[in-house]
Protein backbone atom coordinates (compact mmCIF):
# COMPACT_ATOMS: atom_id res chain seq x y z
CA SER A 1 37.16 22.57 22.64
CA SER A 2 34.19 23.58 24.29
CA GLY A 3 31.71 26.48 23.70
CA ILE A 4 28.17 27.98 24.11
CA ASN A 5 26.09 28.44 21.09
CA ALA A 6 23.56 31.19 20.65
CA GLU A 7 21.01 29.26 22.51
CA ARG A 8 23.20 29.01 25.41
CA ALA A 9 23.45 25.35 24.94
CA PRO A 10 27.10 23.67 25.78
CA GLN A 11 28.90 22.43 22.85
CA VAL A 12 32.12 20.25 22.50
CA GLN A 13 34.11 19.88 19.44
CA LEU A 14 35.18 16.33 18.39
CA ASP A 15 37.93 15.22 16.13
CA GLN A 16 36.94 12.94 13.49
CA GLY A 17 38.13 9.49 14.33
CA GLU A 18 38.25 10.15 18.00
CA GLU A 19 34.35 10.23 18.88
CA PRO A 20 33.66 8.92 22.28
CA PRO A 21 31.16 6.14 22.71
CA ALA A 22 28.52 8.11 24.19
CA PHE A 23 28.59 10.28 20.77
CA LEU A 24 28.62 6.97 18.65
CA GLN A 25 25.63 5.46 20.50
CA ILE A 26 23.39 8.37 19.27
CA PHE A 27 23.71 6.91 15.66
CA LYS A 28 22.87 3.19 16.89
CA GLY A 29 26.00 1.52 15.02
CA GLY A 30 25.02 3.46 11.76
CA MET A 31 27.25 6.26 11.57
CA VAL A 32 29.11 6.41 8.27
CA THR A 33 32.24 8.98 7.46
CA TYR A 34 32.91 9.51 3.97
CA GLN A 35 35.72 10.89 2.11
CA GLY A 36 35.68 14.35 0.30
CA LYS A 37 32.87 16.42 -0.48
CA LEU A 38 29.44 15.65 -1.07
CA GLU A 39 29.75 16.35 -4.81
CA ASP A 40 32.40 13.84 -5.01
CA HIS A 41 29.97 11.26 -4.04
CA ILE A 42 27.29 11.74 -6.71
CA GLN A 43 29.72 9.88 -9.41
CA VAL A 44 31.15 7.28 -6.99
CA TYR A 45 29.92 3.80 -7.57
CA ARG A 46 32.10 1.48 -5.08
CA ARG A 47 33.27 2.61 -1.55
CA LEU A 48 35.54 0.51 0.88
CA PHE A 49 34.70 1.05 4.53
CA PHE A 50 36.79 0.03 7.71
CA TYR A 51 34.55 -0.94 10.50
CA ARG A 52 35.54 0.28 13.92
CA GLY A 53 33.81 -0.42 17.34
CA GLU A 54 33.83 -2.59 20.26
CA VAL A 55 29.88 -3.07 20.56
CA GLU A 56 27.45 -2.89 17.70
CA CYS A 57 25.65 0.30 19.00
CA GLU A 58 28.98 2.15 18.97
CA GLY A 59 30.11 0.97 15.58
CA ALA A 60 31.15 2.99 12.67
CA LEU A 61 32.09 3.06 9.36
CA LEU A 62 35.03 4.85 7.83
CA GLN A 63 35.68 5.42 4.15
CA LEU A 64 38.90 4.58 2.83
CA PRO A 65 40.51 6.68 0.32
CA ASP A 66 40.94 3.83 -2.23
CA ILE A 67 39.91 0.13 -2.91
CA THR A 68 42.95 -1.91 -2.84
CA ALA A 69 43.96 -5.10 -1.24
CA THR A 70 46.72 -3.42 0.59
CA ARG A 71 44.14 -1.72 2.84
CA LEU A 72 42.70 -5.01 4.61
CA ARG A 73 44.15 -5.89 7.72
CA SER A 74 43.97 -9.60 9.22
CA ARG A 75 42.12 -8.33 12.50
CA GLY A 76 39.82 -5.95 10.73
CA SER A 77 36.38 -6.13 8.85
CA PHE A 78 35.74 -3.91 5.98
CA VAL A 79 32.64 -3.34 3.97
CA LEU A 80 32.55 -2.83 0.05
CA GLN A 81 29.61 -0.95 -1.13
CA ASP A 82 29.11 -1.56 -4.88
CA GLY A 83 26.99 1.11 -6.63
CA GLY A 84 24.15 0.77 -3.85
CA GLU A 85 22.89 -2.58 -5.41
CA LYS A 86 25.20 -4.84 -3.43
CA VAL A 87 27.27 -4.60 -0.07
CA TYR A 88 30.09 -7.16 0.89
CA VAL A 89 31.46 -7.81 4.14
CA TRP A 90 35.26 -9.09 4.57
CA HIS A 91 36.54 -10.28 7.81
CA GLY A 92 40.31 -10.99 8.38
CA SER A 93 41.15 -14.31 9.36
CA LYS A 94 41.86 -12.79 13.19
CA SER A 95 38.71 -10.67 13.49
CA ARG A 96 36.78 -10.79 16.73
CA ALA A 97 33.38 -12.01 16.88
CA HIS A 98 32.13 -8.64 18.06
CA THR A 99 34.00 -6.84 15.30
CA VAL A 100 32.23 -9.51 12.62
CA SER A 101 28.81 -9.12 14.05
CA GLY A 102 29.26 -5.43 14.32
CA ALA A 103 30.34 -5.03 10.68
CA PHE A 104 27.38 -7.04 9.36
CA CYS A 105 25.04 -4.73 11.24
CA ALA A 106 26.74 -1.80 10.06
CA ALA A 107 26.63 -3.09 6.57
CA HIS A 108 23.01 -3.70 6.72
CA LYS A 109 22.24 -0.29 7.67
CA LEU A 110 24.34 1.10 5.26
CA PHE A 111 22.52 -0.70 2.47
CA GLU A 112 19.14 0.17 4.06
CA ASN A 113 20.03 4.00 3.88
CA TYR A 114 21.24 3.80 0.46
CA ASN A 115 18.21 2.18 -1.05
């Protein structure tokens, strides 16, 4: 839906996971969507993210609800954040080249922003 705020600027509501490429470009490949509330993340030391995006500047990380091997997909790339000190990138055997490079870029940004 769309509307106008108090400053008369147009606004458009976006559904999570359905963001258009133009919106994702604002974050230059560094958008991260976390699960749950902010208070929940203070105690979490490990997080698994799924990388989605066709080009690096439109890439985004989406946190998965749990860390299990059943989440991994042969065509996907994933980022595991281990307590902020280390970040691991895993690629399925059928991951495309743009997904691999985009996941590395997003993992690097995640590590930089955390430290």
